[in-house]
Amino acid sequence: MGRVLDFDHQGFNDSSYSYNPASQLQSKTVSNADYQIQVPTLSTEFYSVNNLNQYTQVTVDGLPEYANYTSAGNLAGFDGWSYVLRCP
């Protein structure tokens, strides 16, 4: 299966990822947040997924963060970001 398991940016940052049997992201570990966009943190994150394959909760340093979805099931917001689906 073509899943990303880790990134090794030598001397800067290492990121590693784990997945469940359905290939859904379960955790991410980042070693140096200074070389990341604001979403990753210097910690381990745990992801909760519902039966619609939506990430419903991300736990960072033991604190839960929740995603919001539209009535159609599309991601609408997470971690201070808003998302809009635009179809042609």
N, C-alpha and C. Protein backbone atom coordinates (compact mmCIF):
# COMPACT_ATOMS: atom_id res chain seq x y z
N MET A 1 0.86 -1.16 0.00
CA MET A 1 0.00 0.00 0.00
C MET A 1 0.90 1.22 0.00
N GLY A 2 0.58 2.25 -0.76
CA GLY A 2 1.40 3.44 -0.89
C GLY A 2 1.14 4.48 0.17
N ARG A 3 1.37 4.16 1.42
CA ARG A 3 1.16 5.11 2.51
C ARG A 3 2.48 5.78 2.88
N VAL A 4 2.42 7.06 3.20
CA VAL A 4 3.59 7.77 3.70
C VAL A 4 3.81 7.34 5.15
N LEU A 5 4.99 6.85 5.46
CA LEU A 5 5.29 6.43 6.82
C LEU A 5 6.15 7.45 7.55
N ASP A 6 7.05 8.11 6.82
CA ASP A 6 7.87 9.13 7.47
C ASP A 6 8.52 10.04 6.44
N PHE A 7 8.89 11.22 6.90
CA PHE A 7 9.69 12.17 6.15
C PHE A 7 10.93 12.45 6.99
N ASP A 8 12.09 12.38 6.38
CA ASP A 8 13.33 12.69 7.10
C ASP A 8 13.99 13.86 6.40
N HIS A 9 13.76 15.05 6.93
CA HIS A 9 14.41 16.25 6.42
C HIS A 9 15.68 16.42 7.24
N GLN A 10 16.76 15.85 6.76
CA GLN A 10 17.99 15.71 7.52
C GLN A 10 18.43 17.01 8.18
N GLY A 11 18.54 16.97 9.49
CA GLY A 11 19.00 18.11 10.26
C GLY A 11 17.93 19.14 10.56
N PHE A 12 16.73 18.98 10.01
CA PHE A 12 15.69 19.97 10.20
C PHE A 12 14.48 19.41 10.96
N ASN A 13 13.89 18.37 10.40
CA ASN A 13 12.63 17.88 10.95
C ASN A 13 12.40 16.45 10.50
N ASP A 14 11.85 15.66 11.39
CA ASP A 14 11.42 14.31 11.06
C ASP A 14 9.93 14.21 11.38
N SER A 15 9.18 13.59 10.49
CA SER A 15 7.76 13.36 10.69
C SER A 15 7.48 11.89 10.46
N SER A 16 6.68 11.29 11.33
CA SER A 16 6.30 9.89 11.13
C SER A 16 4.79 9.76 11.28
N TYR A 17 4.22 8.77 10.58
CA TYR A 17 2.78 8.60 10.50
C TYR A 17 2.43 7.14 10.74
N SER A 18 1.26 6.89 11.36
CA SER A 18 0.76 5.52 11.49
C SER A 18 -0.70 5.50 11.04
N TYR A 19 -1.14 4.32 10.60
CA TYR A 19 -2.46 4.15 10.00
C TYR A 19 -3.16 2.95 10.61
N ASN A 20 -4.50 2.95 10.51
CA ASN A 20 -5.25 1.77 10.91
C ASN A 20 -5.37 0.84 9.70
N PRO A 21 -5.96 -0.36 9.86
CA PRO A 21 -6.05 -1.30 8.73
C PRO A 21 -6.83 -0.75 7.52
N ALA A 22 -7.68 0.26 7.71
CA ALA A 22 -8.42 0.87 6.60
C ALA A 22 -7.63 2.00 5.94
N SER A 23 -6.35 2.14 6.31
CA SER A 23 -5.45 3.17 5.77
C SER A 23 -5.84 4.58 6.18
N GLN A 24 -6.56 4.73 7.28
CA GLN A 24 -6.89 6.04 7.80
C GLN A 24 -5.78 6.47 8.75
N LEU A 25 -5.37 7.73 8.65
CA LEU A 25 -4.32 8.25 9.51
C LEU A 25 -4.75 8.16 10.96
N GLN A 26 -3.89 7.58 11.80
CA GLN A 26 -4.20 7.45 13.22
C GLN A 26 -3.31 8.34 14.08
N SER A 27 -2.05 8.51 13.70
CA SER A 27 -1.19 9.38 14.49
C SER A 27 -0.09 9.98 13.62
N LYS A 28 0.41 11.12 14.09
CA LYS A 28 1.50 11.81 13.40
C LYS A 28 2.42 12.37 14.48
N THR A 29 3.71 12.20 14.30
CA THR A 29 4.69 12.75 15.22
C THR A 29 5.63 13.65 14.43
N VAL A 30 5.86 14.87 14.94
CA VAL A 30 6.73 15.86 14.30
C VAL A 30 7.82 16.23 15.29
N SER A 31 9.09 16.23 14.85
CA SER A 31 10.18 16.49 15.78
C SER A 31 10.54 17.97 15.92
N ASN A 32 10.23 18.80 14.91
CA ASN A 32 10.60 20.21 14.98
C ASN A 32 9.55 21.05 14.28
N ALA A 33 8.66 21.65 15.04
CA ALA A 33 7.55 22.42 14.48
C ALA A 33 8.01 23.71 13.81
N ASP A 34 9.25 24.15 14.05
CA ASP A 34 9.75 25.37 13.42
C ASP A 34 9.81 25.25 11.89
N TYR A 35 9.91 24.04 11.38
CA TYR A 35 10.00 23.83 9.94
C TYR A 35 8.72 23.25 9.36
N GLN A 36 7.61 23.49 10.02
CA GLN A 36 6.31 23.01 9.58
C GLN A 36 5.35 24.17 9.46
N ILE A 37 4.29 23.98 8.67
CA ILE A 37 3.21 24.95 8.71
C ILE A 37 2.57 24.84 10.08
N GLN A 38 1.66 25.69 10.43
CA GLN A 38 1.13 25.73 11.78
C GLN A 38 0.31 24.51 12.19
N VAL A 39 -0.16 23.72 11.24
CA VAL A 39 -1.01 22.58 11.59
C VAL A 39 -0.26 21.55 12.43
N PRO A 40 0.94 21.06 12.01
CA PRO A 40 1.63 20.09 12.86
C PRO A 40 2.19 20.76 14.11
N THR A 41 2.31 19.99 15.15
CA THR A 41 2.89 20.49 16.39
C THR A 41 3.98 19.55 16.85
N LEU A 42 4.80 20.01 17.74
CA LEU A 42 5.87 19.19 18.29
C LEU A 42 5.25 18.26 19.33
N SER A 43 4.67 17.19 18.85
CA SER A 43 3.94 16.26 19.71
C SER A 43 3.50 15.08 18.88
N THR A 44 2.71 14.24 19.50
CA THR A 44 2.04 13.16 18.79
C THR A 44 0.56 13.47 18.76
N GLU A 45 -0.04 13.32 17.60
CA GLU A 45 -1.47 13.58 17.43
C GLU A 45 -2.18 12.25 17.17
N PHE A 46 -3.37 12.10 17.73
CA PHE A 46 -4.18 10.91 17.52
C PHE A 46 -5.47 11.32 16.83
N TYR A 47 -5.88 10.54 15.81
CA TYR A 47 -7.03 10.87 14.98
C TYR A 47 -8.15 9.87 15.22
N SER A 48 -9.38 10.38 15.37
CA SER A 48 -10.58 9.54 15.48
C SER A 48 -11.39 9.67 14.20
N VAL A 49 -11.86 8.54 13.68
CA VAL A 49 -12.57 8.52 12.41
C VAL A 49 -13.94 7.89 12.62
N ASN A 50 -14.99 8.46 12.00
CA ASN A 50 -16.32 7.86 12.11
C ASN A 50 -16.60 6.94 10.93
N ASN A 51 -17.80 6.38 10.88
CA ASN A 51 -18.14 5.41 9.82
C ASN A 51 -18.32 6.06 8.45
N LEU A 52 -18.29 7.39 8.37
CA LEU A 52 -18.33 8.10 7.09
C LEU A 52 -16.93 8.48 6.61
N ASN A 53 -15.90 7.95 7.30
CA ASN A 53 -14.51 8.22 6.97
C ASN A 53 -14.15 9.69 7.18
N GLN A 54 -14.77 10.31 8.18
CA GLN A 54 -14.49 11.70 8.53
C GLN A 54 -13.66 11.72 9.81
N TYR A 55 -12.68 12.60 9.83
CA TYR A 55 -11.92 12.80 11.07
C TYR A 55 -12.76 13.64 12.00
N THR A 56 -13.21 13.06 13.09
CA THR A 56 -14.11 13.75 14.00
C THR A 56 -13.39 14.41 15.16
N GLN A 57 -12.22 13.89 15.51
CA GLN A 57 -11.47 14.46 16.62
C GLN A 57 -9.99 14.21 16.41
N VAL A 58 -9.19 15.20 16.71
CA VAL A 58 -7.74 15.07 16.74
C VAL A 58 -7.30 15.42 18.16
N THR A 59 -6.55 14.54 18.78
CA THR A 59 -6.07 14.80 20.14
C THR A 59 -4.60 15.17 20.08
N VAL A 60 -4.29 16.38 20.55
CA VAL A 60 -2.92 16.90 20.55
C VAL A 60 -2.53 17.17 22.00
N ASP A 61 -1.47 16.53 22.45
CA ASP A 61 -1.02 16.68 23.83
C ASP A 61 -2.15 16.46 24.82
N GLY A 62 -3.02 15.49 24.53
CA GLY A 62 -4.11 15.15 25.43
C GLY A 62 -5.33 16.05 25.33
N LEU A 63 -5.28 17.06 24.47
CA LEU A 63 -6.41 17.99 24.32
C LEU A 63 -7.13 17.73 23.01
N PRO A 64 -8.45 17.53 23.04
CA PRO A 64 -9.19 17.23 21.81
C PRO A 64 -9.46 18.49 20.98
N GLU A 65 -9.39 18.33 19.67
CA GLU A 65 -9.82 19.35 18.72
C GLU A 65 -10.81 18.66 17.79
N TYR A 66 -11.85 19.38 17.37
CA TYR A 66 -12.93 18.75 16.61
C TYR A 66 -13.05 19.37 15.23
N ALA A 67 -13.36 18.54 14.26
CA ALA A 67 -13.63 19.00 12.90
C ALA A 67 -15.13 19.24 12.74
N ASN A 68 -15.48 20.17 11.86
CA ASN A 68 -16.89 20.45 11.54
C ASN A 68 -17.15 20.06 10.09
N TYR A 69 -18.33 19.53 9.84
CA TYR A 69 -18.70 19.08 8.50
C TYR A 69 -20.02 19.70 8.09
N THR A 70 -20.21 19.86 6.78
CA THR A 70 -21.48 20.36 6.25
C THR A 70 -22.52 19.25 6.33
N SER A 71 -23.78 19.58 6.07
CA SER A 71 -24.83 18.56 6.07
C SER A 71 -24.61 17.52 4.97
N ALA A 72 -23.83 17.88 3.95
CA ALA A 72 -23.50 16.94 2.87
C ALA A 72 -22.29 16.08 3.22
N GLY A 73 -21.68 16.33 4.39
CA GLY A 73 -20.56 15.51 4.82
C GLY A 73 -19.19 16.04 4.45
N ASN A 74 -19.11 17.23 3.87
CA ASN A 74 -17.82 17.80 3.48
C ASN A 74 -17.20 18.56 4.66
N LEU A 75 -15.88 18.52 4.74
CA LEU A 75 -15.17 19.23 5.80
C LEU A 75 -15.45 20.73 5.68
N ALA A 76 -15.89 21.34 6.78
CA ALA A 76 -16.21 22.77 6.79
C ALA A 76 -15.21 23.57 7.62
N GLY A 77 -14.63 22.94 8.63
CA GLY A 77 -13.70 23.67 9.46
C GLY A 77 -12.92 22.78 10.40
N PHE A 78 -11.66 23.18 10.64
CA PHE A 78 -10.83 22.48 11.61
C PHE A 78 -9.67 23.37 12.01
N ASP A 79 -9.39 23.43 13.29
CA ASP A 79 -8.21 24.10 13.83
C ASP A 79 -8.11 25.55 13.39
N GLY A 80 -9.25 26.24 13.35
CA GLY A 80 -9.25 27.65 12.97
C GLY A 80 -9.30 27.91 11.48
N TRP A 81 -9.28 26.86 10.68
CA TRP A 81 -9.34 26.99 9.22
C TRP A 81 -10.76 26.70 8.76
N SER A 82 -11.22 27.39 7.72
CA SER A 82 -12.52 27.12 7.09
C SER A 82 -12.28 26.56 5.71
N TYR A 83 -13.11 25.63 5.30
CA TYR A 83 -12.98 24.97 4.01
C TYR A 83 -14.27 25.10 3.23
N VAL A 84 -14.16 25.37 1.93
CA VAL A 84 -15.31 25.50 1.05
C VAL A 84 -15.08 24.59 -0.14
N LEU A 85 -16.05 23.74 -0.43
CA LEU A 85 -15.97 22.87 -1.60
C LEU A 85 -16.58 23.60 -2.78
N ARG A 86 -15.81 23.76 -3.83
CA ARG A 86 -16.29 24.42 -5.05
C ARG A 86 -16.30 23.41 -6.18
N CYS A 87 -17.47 23.15 -6.71
CA CYS A 87 -17.61 22.19 -7.81
C CYS A 87 -17.85 22.95 -9.10
N PRO A 88 -17.23 22.51 -10.18
CA PRO A 88 -17.43 23.21 -11.47
C PRO A 88 -18.85 23.05 -11.99
